[in-house]
């Protein structure tokens, strides 16, 4: 792999990580802490939605983000020809 390709691969990887971490932060901090009072007016499964996001929602979102990261990294690996065959 050329140094230019290596730099582009790393830049793409860091951009993907930054986007996924931003989503996780928005869900866990934004919905679980900052917006908990407005969300608590809505009920999900008998529990206030703000409480649910603080306790369960951010964990579920984190698991979904792991799968999204794995899928996108496989695509990125194939794009830069560093995938395992």
PDB file of N, CA and C in Angstrom:
ATOM      1  N   UNK A   1       0.852  -1.174   0.000  1.00  0.00           N
ATOM      2  CA  UNK A   1       0.000   0.000   0.000  1.00  0.00           C
ATOM      3  C   UNK A   1       0.895   1.233   0.000  1.00  0.00           C
ATOM      4  N   UNK A   2       0.567   2.153  -0.856  1.00  0.00           N
ATOM      5  CA  UNK A   2       1.364   3.377  -0.962  1.00  0.00           C
ATOM      6  C   UNK A   2       1.064   4.289   0.231  1.00  0.00           C
ATOM      7  N   UNK A   3       1.975   5.190   0.534  1.00  0.00           N
ATOM      8  CA  UNK A   3       1.718   6.119   1.640  1.00  0.00           C
ATOM      9  C   UNK A   3       0.460   6.965   1.440  1.00  0.00           C
ATOM     10  N   UNK A   4       0.152   7.313   0.185  1.00  0.00           N
ATOM     11  CA  UNK A   4      -1.061   8.096  -0.082  1.00  0.00           C
ATOM     12  C   UNK A   4      -2.312   7.276   0.222  1.00  0.00           C
ATOM     13  N   UNK A   5      -2.295   5.997  -0.206  1.00  0.00           N
ATOM     14  CA  UNK A   5      -3.430   5.121   0.088  1.00  0.00           C
ATOM     15  C   UNK A   5      -3.575   4.873   1.583  1.00  0.00           C
ATOM     16  N   UNK A   6      -2.448   4.717   2.242  1.00  0.00           N
ATOM     17  CA  UNK A   6      -2.476   4.483   3.689  1.00  0.00           C
ATOM     18  C   UNK A   6      -3.078   5.689   4.408  1.00  0.00           C
ATOM     19  N   UNK A   7      -2.699   6.876   3.985  1.00  0.00           N
ATOM     20  CA  UNK A   7      -3.236   8.099   4.593  1.00  0.00           C
ATOM     21  C   UNK A   7      -4.727   8.243   4.307  1.00  0.00           C
ATOM     22  N   UNK A   8      -5.149   7.921   3.080  1.00  0.00           N
ATOM     23  CA  UNK A   8      -6.569   8.006   2.732  1.00  0.00           C
ATOM     24  C   UNK A   8      -7.382   6.974   3.502  1.00  0.00           C
ATOM     25  N   UNK A   9      -6.829   5.786   3.664  1.00  0.00           N
ATOM     26  CA  UNK A   9      -7.508   4.727   4.427  1.00  0.00           C
ATOM     27  C   UNK A   9      -7.684   5.164   5.882  1.00  0.00           C
ATOM     28  N   UNK A  10      -6.626   5.683   6.469  1.00  0.00           N
ATOM     29  CA  UNK A  10      -6.683   6.118   7.863  1.00  0.00           C
ATOM     30  C   UNK A  10      -7.640   7.298   8.033  1.00  0.00           C
ATOM     31  N   UNK A  11      -7.641   8.216   7.090  1.00  0.00           N
ATOM     32  CA  UNK A  11      -8.555   9.359   7.148  1.00  0.00           C
ATOM     33  C   UNK A  11     -10.008   8.888   7.069  1.00  0.00           C
ATOM     34  N   UNK A  12     -10.289   7.950   6.196  1.00  0.00           N
ATOM     35  CA  UNK A  12     -11.638   7.399   6.086  1.00  0.00           C
ATOM     36  C   UNK A  12     -12.047   6.675   7.360  1.00  0.00           C
ATOM     37  N   UNK A  13     -11.115   5.944   7.932  1.00  0.00           N
ATOM     38  CA  UNK A  13     -11.386   5.222   9.177  1.00  0.00           C
ATOM     39  C   UNK A  13     -11.692   6.200  10.313  1.00  0.00           C
ATOM     40  N   UNK A  14     -10.910   7.246  10.434  1.00  0.00           N
ATOM     41  CA  UNK A  14     -11.138   8.230  11.495  1.00  0.00           C
ATOM     42  C   UNK A  14     -12.443   8.992  11.295  1.00  0.00           C
ATOM     43  N   UNK A  15     -12.800   9.278  10.035  1.00  0.00           N
ATOM     44  CA  UNK A  15     -14.065   9.957   9.758  1.00  0.00           C
ATOM     45  C   UNK A  15     -15.234   9.078  10.172  1.00  0.00           C
ATOM     46  N   UNK A  16     -15.172   7.790   9.845  1.00  0.00           N
ATOM     47  CA  UNK A  16     -16.231   6.854  10.233  1.00  0.00           C
ATOM     48  C   UNK A  16     -16.342   6.779  11.754  1.00  0.00           C
ATOM     49  N   UNK A  17     -15.220   6.667  12.433  1.00  0.00           N
ATOM     50  CA  UNK A  17     -15.242   6.625  13.898  1.00  0.00           C
ATOM     51  C   UNK A  17     -15.832   7.896  14.493  1.00  0.00           C
ATOM     52  N   UNK A  18     -15.459   9.032  13.954  1.00  0.00           N
ATOM     53  CA  UNK A  18     -15.968  10.309  14.471  1.00  0.00           C
ATOM     54  C   UNK A  18     -17.484  10.403  14.299  1.00  0.00           C
ATOM     55  N   UNK A  19     -17.987   9.982  13.151  1.00  0.00           N
ATOM     56  CA  UNK A  19     -19.436  10.037  12.913  1.00  0.00           C
ATOM     57  C   UNK A  19     -20.194   9.102  13.852  1.00  0.00           C
ATOM     58  N   UNK A  20     -19.686   7.897  14.028  1.00  0.00           N
ATOM     59  CA  UNK A  20     -20.363   6.936  14.899  1.00  0.00           C
ATOM     60  C   UNK A  20     -20.301   7.368  16.366  1.00  0.00           C
ATOM     61  N   UNK A  21     -19.183   7.926  16.780  1.00  0.00           N
ATOM     62  CA  UNK A  21     -19.083   8.426  18.152  1.00  0.00           C
ATOM     63  C   UNK A  21     -19.987   9.630  18.379  1.00  0.00           C
ATOM     64  N   UNK A  22     -20.148  10.459  17.354  1.00  0.00           N
ATOM     65  CA  UNK A  22     -21.056  11.605  17.466  1.00  0.00           C
ATOM     66  C   UNK A  22     -22.502  11.140  17.644  1.00  0.00           C
ATOM     67  N   UNK A  23     -22.886  10.114  16.904  1.00  0.00           N
ATOM     68  CA  UNK A  23     -24.240   9.565  17.058  1.00  0.00           C
ATOM     69  C   UNK A  23     -24.416   8.996  18.450  1.00  0.00           C
ATOM     70  N   UNK A  24     -23.434   8.228  18.905  1.00  0.00           N
ATOM     71  CA  UNK A  24     -23.533   7.621  20.235  1.00  0.00           C
ATOM     72  C   UNK A  24     -23.593   8.692  21.324  1.00  0.00           C
ATOM     73  N   UNK A  25     -22.784   9.742  21.181  1.00  0.00           N
ATOM     74  CA  UNK A  25     -22.803  10.829  22.150  1.00  0.00           C
ATOM     75  C   UNK A  25     -24.152  11.532  22.151  1.00  0.00           C
ATOM     76  N   UNK A  26     -24.686  11.786  20.961  1.00  0.00           N
ATOM     77  CA  UNK A  26     -25.980  12.470  20.865  1.00  0.00           C
ATOM     78  C   UNK A  26     -27.078  11.650  21.529  1.00  0.00           C
ATOM     79  N   UNK A  27     -27.048  10.351  21.338  1.00  0.00           N
ATOM     80  CA  UNK A  27     -28.083   9.496  21.923  1.00  0.00           C
ATOM     81  C   UNK A  27     -27.885   9.364  23.430  1.00  0.00           C
ATOM     82  N   UNK A  28     -26.673   9.038  23.858  1.00  0.00           N
ATOM     83  CA  UNK A  28     -26.463   8.775  25.277  1.00  0.00           C
ATOM     84  C   UNK A  28     -26.503  10.050  26.116  1.00  0.00           C
ATOM     85  N   UNK A  29     -25.832  11.097  25.684  1.00  0.00           N
ATOM     86  CA  UNK A  29     -25.798  12.331  26.468  1.00  0.00           C
ATOM     87  C   UNK A  29     -27.003  13.215  26.175  1.00  0.00           C
ATOM     88  N   UNK A  30     -27.281  13.388  24.885  1.00  0.00           N
ATOM     89  CA  UNK A  30     -28.375  14.271  24.492  1.00  0.00           C
ATOM     90  C   UNK A  30     -29.737  13.759  24.910  1.00  0.00           C
ATOM     91  N   UNK A  31     -30.062  12.530  24.517  1.00  0.00           N
ATOM     92  CA  UNK A  31     -31.381  11.989  24.827  1.00  0.00           C
ATOM     93  C   UNK A  31     -31.464  11.441  26.248  1.00  0.00           C
ATOM     94  N   UNK A  32     -30.368  10.930  26.768  1.00  0.00           N
ATOM     95  CA  UNK A  32     -30.387  10.326  28.099  1.00  0.00           C
ATOM     96  C   UNK A  32     -30.205  11.299  29.245  1.00  0.00           C
ATOM     97  N   UNK A  33     -29.637  12.479  28.974  1.00  0.00           N
ATOM     98  CA  UNK A  33     -29.369  13.432  30.057  1.00  0.00           C
ATOM     99  C   UNK A  33     -30.005  14.792  29.774  1.00  0.00           C
ATOM    100  N   UNK A  34     -29.665  15.396  28.635  1.00  0.00           N
ATOM    101  CA  UNK A  34     -30.126  16.760  28.365  1.00  0.00           C
ATOM    102  C   UNK A  34     -31.622  16.844  28.087  1.00  0.00           C
ATOM    103  N   UNK A  35     -32.154  15.899  27.350  1.00  0.00           N
ATOM    104  CA  UNK A  35     -33.566  15.949  26.961  1.00  0.00           C
ATOM    105  C   UNK A  35     -34.430  14.960  27.743  1.00  0.00           C
ATOM    106  N   UNK A  36     -33.971  14.564  28.923  1.00  0.00           N
ATOM    107  CA  UNK A  36     -34.690  13.533  29.669  1.00  0.00           C
ATOM    108  C   UNK A  36     -36.067  14.012  30.128  1.00  0.00           C
ATOM    109  N   UNK A  37     -36.195  15.245  30.543  1.00  0.00           N
ATOM    110  CA  UNK A  37     -37.492  15.739  31.033  1.00  0.00           C
ATOM    111  C   UNK A  37     -38.562  15.768  29.941  1.00  0.00           C
ATOM    112  N   UNK A  38     -38.282  16.346  28.763  1.00  0.00           N
ATOM    113  CA  UNK A  38     -39.312  16.298  27.717  1.00  0.00           C
ATOM    114  C   UNK A  38     -39.635  14.872  27.266  1.00  0.00           C
ATOM    115  N   UNK A  39     -38.607  14.013  27.226  1.00  0.00           N
ATOM    116  CA  UNK A  39     -38.838  12.640  26.795  1.00  0.00           C
ATOM    117  C   UNK A  39     -39.614  11.830  27.824  1.00  0.00           C
ATOM    118  N   UNK A  40     -39.524  12.217  29.088  1.00  0.00           N
ATOM    119  CA  UNK A  40     -40.234  11.480  30.128  1.00  0.00           C
ATOM    120  C   UNK A  40     -41.746  11.645  30.035  1.00  0.00           C
ATOM    121  N   UNK A  41     -42.220  12.566  29.227  1.00  0.00           N
ATOM    122  CA  UNK A  41     -43.661  12.707  29.037  1.00  0.00           C
ATOM    123  C   UNK A  41     -44.208  11.603  28.125  1.00  0.00           C
ATOM    124  N   UNK A  42     -43.314  10.907  27.416  1.00  0.00           N
ATOM    125  CA  UNK A  42     -43.690   9.800  26.538  1.00  0.00           C
ATOM    126  C   UNK A  42     -43.346   8.499  27.250  1.00  0.00           C
ATOM    127  N   UNK A  43     -44.207   7.515  27.124  1.00  0.00           N
ATOM    128  CA  UNK A  43     -43.997   6.241  27.800  1.00  0.00           C
ATOM    129  C   UNK A  43     -43.659   5.156  26.777  1.00  0.00           C
ATOM    130  N   UNK A  44     -42.701   4.303  27.115  1.00  0.00           N
ATOM    131  CA  UNK A  44     -42.300   3.183  26.264  1.00  0.00           C
ATOM    132  C   UNK A  44     -42.258   1.928  27.123  1.00  0.00           C
ATOM    133  N   UNK A  45     -43.199   1.039  26.901  1.00  0.00           N
ATOM    134  CA  UNK A  45     -43.236  -0.191  27.689  1.00  0.00           C
ATOM    135  C   UNK A  45     -43.531   0.058  29.154  1.00  0.00           C
ATOM    136  N   UNK A  46     -44.252   1.124  29.463  1.00  0.00           N
ATOM    137  CA  UNK A  46     -44.579   1.439  30.843  1.00  0.00           C
ATOM    138  C   UNK A  46     -43.533   2.289  31.557  1.00  0.00           C
ATOM    139  N   UNK A  47     -42.454   2.609  30.876  1.00  0.00           N
ATOM    140  CA  UNK A  47     -41.388   3.417  31.468  1.00  0.00           C
ATOM    141  C   UNK A  47     -41.273   4.739  30.717  1.00  0.00           C
ATOM    142  N   UNK A  48     -40.883   5.797  31.399  1.00  0.00           N
ATOM    143  CA  UNK A  48     -40.661   7.075  30.700  1.00  0.00           C
ATOM    144  C   UNK A  48     -39.554   6.926  29.655  1.00  0.00           C
ATOM    145  N   UNK A  49     -39.757   7.533  28.494  1.00  0.00           N
ATOM    146  CA  UNK A  49     -38.811   7.388  27.387  1.00  0.00           C
ATOM    147  C   UNK A  49     -37.421   7.927  27.741  1.00  0.00           C
ATOM    148  N   UNK A  50     -37.343   9.010  28.490  1.00  0.00           N
ATOM    149  CA  UNK A  50     -36.043   9.545  28.896  1.00  0.00           C
ATOM    150  C   UNK A  50     -35.274   8.565  29.767  1.00  0.00           C
ATOM    151  N   UNK A  51     -35.975   7.922  30.692  1.00  0.00           N
ATOM    152  CA  UNK A  51     -35.362   6.896  31.543  1.00  0.00           C
ATOM    153  C   UNK A  51     -34.898   5.725  30.687  1.00  0.00           C
ATOM    154  N   UNK A  52     -35.741   5.319  29.718  1.00  0.00           N
ATOM    155  CA  UNK A  52     -35.393   4.191  28.865  1.00  0.00           C
ATOM    156  C   UNK A  52     -34.116   4.476  28.073  1.00  0.00           C
ATOM    157  N   UNK A  53     -34.007   5.690  27.502  1.00  0.00           N
ATOM    158  CA  UNK A  53     -32.800   6.033  26.757  1.00  0.00           C
ATOM    159  C   UNK A  53     -31.577   6.039  27.668  1.00  0.00           C
ATOM    160  N   UNK A  54     -31.741   6.530  28.877  1.00  0.00           N
ATOM    161  CA  UNK A  54     -30.600   6.583  29.800  1.00  0.00           C
ATOM    162  C   UNK A  54     -30.165   5.180  30.224  1.00  0.00           C
ATOM    163  N   UNK A  55     -31.101   4.263  30.364  1.00  0.00           N
ATOM    164  CA  UNK A  55     -30.777   2.940  30.882  1.00  0.00           C
ATOM    165  C   UNK A  55     -30.547   1.889  29.790  1.00  0.00           C
ATOM    166  N   UNK A  56     -31.349   1.909  28.740  1.00  0.00           N
ATOM    167  CA  UNK A  56     -31.278   0.858  27.731  1.00  0.00           C
ATOM    168  C   UNK A  56     -30.974   1.379  26.328  1.00  0.00           C
ATOM    169  N   UNK A  57     -31.561   2.479  25.970  1.00  0.00           N
ATOM    170  CA  UNK A  57     -31.473   2.970  24.599  1.00  0.00           C
ATOM    171  C   UNK A  57     -30.062   3.203  24.117  1.00  0.00           C
ATOM    172  N   UNK A  58     -29.229   3.815  24.944  1.00  0.00           N
ATOM    173  CA  UNK A  58     -27.863   4.093  24.494  1.00  0.00           C
ATOM    174  C   UNK A  58     -27.067   2.799  24.325  1.00  0.00           C
ATOM    175  N   UNK A  59     -27.394   1.777  25.101  1.00  0.00           N
ATOM    176  CA  UNK A  59     -26.715   0.482  24.949  1.00  0.00           C
ATOM    177  C   UNK A  59     -27.126  -0.162  23.639  1.00  0.00           C
ATOM    178  N   UNK A  60     -28.424  -0.138  23.325  1.00  0.00           N
ATOM    179  CA  UNK A  60     -28.890  -0.712  22.058  1.00  0.00           C
ATOM    180  C   UNK A  60     -28.301   0.037  20.873  1.00  0.00           C
ATOM    181  N   UNK A  61     -28.263   1.350  20.965  1.00  0.00           N
ATOM    182  CA  UNK A  61     -27.672   2.151  19.884  1.00  0.00           C
ATOM    183  C   UNK A  61     -26.194   1.806  19.724  1.00  0.00           C
ATOM    184  N   UNK A  62     -25.487   1.618  20.830  1.00  0.00           N
ATOM    185  CA  UNK A  62     -24.076   1.252  20.780  1.00  0.00           C
ATOM    186  C   UNK A  62     -23.897  -0.080  20.055  1.00  0.00           C
ATOM    187  N   UNK A  63     -24.746  -1.056  20.332  1.00  0.00           N
ATOM    188  CA  UNK A  63     -24.650  -2.349  19.654  1.00  0.00           C
ATOM    189  C   UNK A  63     -24.916  -2.218  18.157  1.00  0.00           C
ATOM    190  N   UNK A  64     -25.892  -1.412  17.789  1.00  0.00           N
ATOM    191  CA  UNK A  64     -26.175  -1.175  16.370  1.00  0.00           C
ATOM    192  C   UNK A  64     -24.983  -0.490  15.711  1.00  0.00           C
ATOM    193  N   UNK A  65     -24.370   0.456  16.404  1.00  0.00           N
ATOM    194  CA  UNK A  65     -23.217   1.160  15.848  1.00  0.00           C
ATOM    195  C   UNK A  65     -22.028   0.219  15.646  1.00  0.00           C
ATOM    196  N   UNK A  66     -21.879  -0.778  16.495  1.00  0.00           N
ATOM    197  CA  UNK A  66     -20.811  -1.769  16.318  1.00  0.00           C
ATOM    198  C   UNK A  66     -20.995  -2.506  14.997  1.00  0.00           C
ATOM    199  N   UNK A  67     -22.232  -2.925  14.713  1.00  0.00           N
ATOM    200  CA  UNK A  67     -22.501  -3.623  13.455  1.00  0.00           C
ATOM    201  C   UNK A  67     -22.303  -2.694  12.255  1.00  0.00           C
ATOM    202  N   UNK A  68     -22.735  -1.458  12.383  1.00  0.00           N
ATOM    203  CA  UNK A  68     -22.536  -0.485  11.303  1.00  0.00           C
ATOM    204  C   UNK A  68     -21.046  -0.277  11.051  1.00  0.00           C
ATOM    205  N   UNK A  69     -20.255  -0.190  12.126  1.00  0.00           N
ATOM    206  CA  UNK A  69     -18.808  -0.018  11.985  1.00  0.00           C
ATOM    207  C   UNK A  69     -18.190  -1.222  11.274  1.00  0.00           C
ATOM    208  N   UNK A  70     -18.579  -2.424  11.682  1.00  0.00           N
ATOM    209  CA  UNK A  70     -18.011  -3.632  11.075  1.00  0.00           C
ATOM    210  C   UNK A  70     -18.344  -3.705   9.587  1.00  0.00           C
ATOM    211  N   UNK A  71     -19.574  -3.416   9.227  1.00  0.00           N
ATOM    212  CA  UNK A  71     -19.985  -3.455   7.816  1.00  0.00           C
ATOM    213  C   UNK A  71     -19.217  -2.411   7.008  1.00  0.00           C
ATOM    214  N   UNK A  72     -19.135  -1.203   7.538  1.00  0.00           N
ATOM    215  CA  UNK A  72     -18.436  -0.136   6.809  1.00  0.00           C
ATOM    216  C   UNK A  72     -16.938  -0.376   6.726  1.00  0.00           C
ATOM    217  N   UNK A  73     -16.348  -0.961   7.752  1.00  0.00           N
ATOM    218  CA  UNK A  73     -14.917  -1.259   7.690  1.00  0.00           C
ATOM    219  C   UNK A  73     -14.631  -2.358   6.681  1.00  0.00           C
ATOM    220  N   UNK A  74     -15.526  -3.335   6.555  1.00  0.00           N
ATOM    221  CA  UNK A  74     -15.341  -4.352   5.514  1.00  0.00           C
ATOM    222  C   UNK A  74     -15.377  -3.718   4.136  1.00  0.00           C
ATOM    223  N   UNK A  75     -16.296  -2.784   3.920  1.00  0.00           N
ATOM    224  CA  UNK A  75     -16.363  -2.072   2.640  1.00  0.00           C
ATOM    225  C   UNK A  75     -15.096  -1.245   2.403  1.00  0.00           C
ATOM    226  N   UNK A  76     -14.643  -0.582   3.460  1.00  0.00           N
ATOM    227  CA  UNK A  76     -13.437   0.243   3.342  1.00  0.00           C
ATOM    228  C   UNK A  76     -12.217  -0.623   3.050  1.00  0.00           C
ATOM    229  N   UNK A  77     -12.126  -1.772   3.701  1.00  0.00           N
ATOM    230  CA  UNK A  77     -11.014  -2.694   3.449  1.00  0.00           C
ATOM    231  C   UNK A  77     -11.006  -3.163   2.000  1.00  0.00           C
ATOM    232  N   UNK A  78     -12.184  -3.473   1.467  1.00  0.00           N
ATOM    233  CA  UNK A  78     -12.261  -3.907   0.069  1.00  0.00           C
ATOM    234  C   UNK A  78     -11.893  -2.765  -0.877  1.00  0.00           C
ATOM    235  N   UNK A  79     -12.334  -1.550  -0.522  1.00  0.00           N
ATOM    236  CA  UNK A  79     -12.038  -0.398  -1.369  1.00  0.00           C
ATOM    237  C   UNK A  79     -10.537  -0.161  -1.477  1.00  0.00           C
ATOM    238  N   UNK A  80      -9.816  -0.325  -0.373  1.00  0.00           N
ATOM    239  CA  UNK A  80      -8.369  -0.089  -0.368  1.00  0.00           C
ATOM    240  C   UNK A  80      -7.560  -1.369  -0.522  1.00  0.00           C
ATOM    241  N   UNK A  81      -8.247  -2.468  -0.844  1.00  0.00           N
ATOM    242  CA  UNK A  81      -7.627  -3.765  -1.113  1.00  0.00           C
ATOM    243  C   UNK A  81      -6.759  -4.253   0.048  1.00  0.00           C
ATOM    244  N   UNK A  82      -7.291  -4.143   1.259  1.00  0.00           N
ATOM    245  CA  UNK A  82      -6.605  -4.690   2.429  1.00  0.00           C
ATOM    246  C   UNK A  82      -7.504  -5.688   3.161  1.00  0.00           C
ATOM    247  N   UNK A  83      -8.519  -6.196   2.441  1.00  0.00           N
ATOM    248  CA  UNK A  83      -9.459  -7.134   3.061  1.00  0.00           C
ATOM    249  C   UNK A  83      -8.852  -8.531   3.147  1.00  0.00           C
ATOM    250  N   UNK A  84      -9.415  -9.312   4.050  1.00  0.00           N
ATOM    251  CA  UNK A  84      -8.997 -10.701   4.190  1.00  0.00           C
ATOM    252  C   UNK A  84      -9.845 -11.539   3.248  1.00  0.00           C
ATOM    253  N   UNK A  85      -9.188 -12.323   2.451  1.00  0.00           N
ATOM    254  CA  UNK A  85      -9.925 -13.115   1.470  1.00  0.00           C
ATOM    255  C   UNK A  85     -10.016 -14.540   1.879  1.00  0.00           C
TER     256      UNK A  85
END
